[in-house]
Amino acid sequence: MGDCLFCKIVERKVPATVVYEDDHTVAFDDIHPQAPVHALVIPKRHVVAVRDCGEEDEALLGKLLLTCAKVARLKGVADSGYRIVTNTGKDGGQTVFHLHFHVTGGRPMRWPPG
């Protein structure tokens, strides 16, 4: 997608602090962190949101969640605890329309989140 910020990060046209990458996913630090640890995990392939995934995306969704866990380990919050969140659509709080998971930790998380 030509105007997608996260696609540009995947293509290295926009800089990001990448913390993990494999054939299907990229994880990078959020530029507006909401916790001491705040990374985003995205698929390299452009997908707008979870609602746009089908049965054919089952492996990709599993890979994204496993990457979230890997990022939590790399960032040192796997044992203390962390939160994984994805927002879908405008009312769900999605501001970048490329599927992404927030991995936040490093402090106690409150509930409800907002």
Protein backbone atom coordinates (compact mmCIF):
# COMPACT_ATOMS: atom_id res chain seq x y z
CA MET A 1 0.00 0.00 0.00
CA GLY A 2 1.54 3.26 -1.15
CA ASP A 3 0.46 5.53 1.72
CA CYS A 4 0.65 3.02 4.56
CA LEU A 5 3.16 4.11 7.20
CA PHE A 6 3.78 0.55 8.39
CA CYS A 7 4.32 -0.73 4.85
CA LYS A 8 6.94 1.99 4.48
CA ILE A 9 8.62 0.75 7.67
CA VAL A 10 8.64 -2.80 6.26
CA GLU A 11 10.19 -1.44 3.05
CA ARG A 12 12.73 0.59 5.09
CA LYS A 13 11.47 3.83 3.53
CA VAL A 14 10.62 5.15 7.01
CA PRO A 15 13.05 4.60 9.88
CA ALA A 16 12.07 2.59 12.94
CA THR A 17 13.88 0.99 15.83
CA VAL A 18 13.40 -2.65 14.84
CA VAL A 19 13.57 -5.06 17.76
CA TYR A 20 12.75 -8.25 15.85
CA GLU A 21 12.20 -9.36 12.27
CA ASP A 22 11.58 -12.61 10.45
CA ASP A 23 10.16 -13.62 7.07
CA HIS A 24 6.59 -12.65 7.98
CA THR A 25 6.71 -10.09 10.81
CA VAL A 26 8.48 -6.95 11.98
CA ALA A 27 8.48 -5.58 15.53
CA PHE A 28 9.61 -2.07 16.36
CA ASP A 29 9.45 0.41 19.21
CA ASP A 30 6.38 2.67 19.29
CA ILE A 31 7.31 6.33 18.74
CA HIS A 32 4.71 7.40 21.35
CA PRO A 33 5.18 4.78 24.07
CA GLN A 34 2.41 4.36 26.65
CA ALA A 35 4.56 2.21 28.95
CA PRO A 36 8.29 1.67 29.57
CA VAL A 37 8.09 -1.16 27.01
CA HIS A 38 5.87 -0.45 24.02
CA ALA A 39 6.56 -2.26 20.77
CA LEU A 40 4.39 -2.84 17.72
CA VAL A 41 4.27 -6.18 15.93
CA ILE A 42 3.06 -6.13 12.33
CA PRO A 43 2.78 -8.51 9.41
CA LYS A 44 5.01 -7.66 6.47
CA ARG A 45 2.04 -8.22 4.18
CA HIS A 46 -0.49 -5.40 4.26
CA VAL A 47 -3.61 -6.42 6.16
CA VAL A 48 -5.89 -3.65 7.45
CA ALA A 49 -7.21 -5.28 10.64
CA VAL A 50 -8.23 -8.57 12.24
CA ARG A 51 -11.70 -8.18 10.70
CA ASP A 52 -10.10 -8.47 7.27
CA CYS A 53 -8.47 -11.82 8.02
CA GLY A 54 -9.92 -15.10 6.85
CA GLU A 55 -9.25 -18.77 7.40
CA GLU A 56 -6.22 -18.43 5.10
CA ASP A 57 -4.65 -16.06 7.65
CA GLU A 58 -4.76 -18.48 10.57
CA ALA A 59 -1.01 -19.19 10.43
CA LEU A 60 -0.17 -15.49 10.10
CA LEU A 61 -2.27 -14.58 13.15
CA GLY A 62 -0.60 -17.32 15.16
CA LYS A 63 2.81 -16.13 14.00
CA LEU A 64 1.98 -12.56 15.07
CA LEU A 65 1.03 -13.68 18.58
CA LEU A 66 4.16 -15.83 18.89
CA THR A 67 6.19 -12.81 17.75
CA CYS A 68 4.52 -10.72 20.48
CA ALA A 69 5.69 -13.26 23.07
CA LYS A 70 9.19 -13.24 21.57
CA VAL A 71 9.30 -9.42 21.74
CA ALA A 72 8.20 -9.54 25.40
CA ARG A 73 11.13 -11.88 26.12
CA LEU A 74 13.57 -9.68 24.17
CA LYS A 75 12.33 -6.58 26.01
CA GLY A 76 12.61 -8.26 29.42
CA VAL A 77 8.94 -8.24 30.44
CA ALA A 78 7.97 -11.86 29.77
CA ASP A 79 8.25 -12.90 33.42
CA SER A 80 6.81 -9.76 35.04
CA GLY A 81 3.88 -9.59 32.62
CA TYR A 82 2.78 -7.64 29.60
CA ARG A 83 -0.28 -6.76 27.55
CA ILE A 84 -1.03 -7.53 23.90
CA VAL A 85 -3.65 -5.30 22.25
CA THR A 86 -4.92 -4.82 18.73
CA ASN A 87 -7.41 -2.13 17.74
CA THR A 88 -9.86 -2.59 14.88
CA GLY A 89 -11.58 0.31 13.13
CA LYS A 90 -11.96 3.95 14.07
CA ASP A 91 -14.22 3.33 17.09
CA GLY A 92 -11.86 0.61 18.26
CA GLY A 93 -9.02 3.14 18.39
CA GLN A 94 -7.18 2.09 15.24
CA THR A 95 -5.19 5.03 13.85
CA VAL A 96 -2.85 3.23 11.44
CA PHE A 97 -4.83 0.95 9.16
CA HIS A 98 -2.28 -1.87 8.94
CA LEU A 99 -2.83 -4.74 11.37
CA HIS A 100 -0.62 -4.33 14.42
CA PHE A 101 -0.36 -5.61 17.95
CA HIS A 102 0.85 -3.42 20.80
CA VAL A 103 3.11 -5.19 23.30
CA THR A 104 3.25 -3.08 26.47
CA GLY A 105 4.89 -3.77 29.79
CA GLY A 106 7.37 -2.61 32.34
CA ARG A 107 4.69 -1.29 34.71
CA PRO A 108 1.39 -2.57 36.14
CA MET A 109 -1.37 -2.43 33.52
CA ARG A 110 -4.74 -1.01 34.56
CA TRP A 111 -8.15 -2.40 33.66
CA PRO A 112 -10.25 -1.33 31.94
CA PRO A 113 -7.77 0.21 29.53
CA GLY A 114 -9.97 3.08 28.38
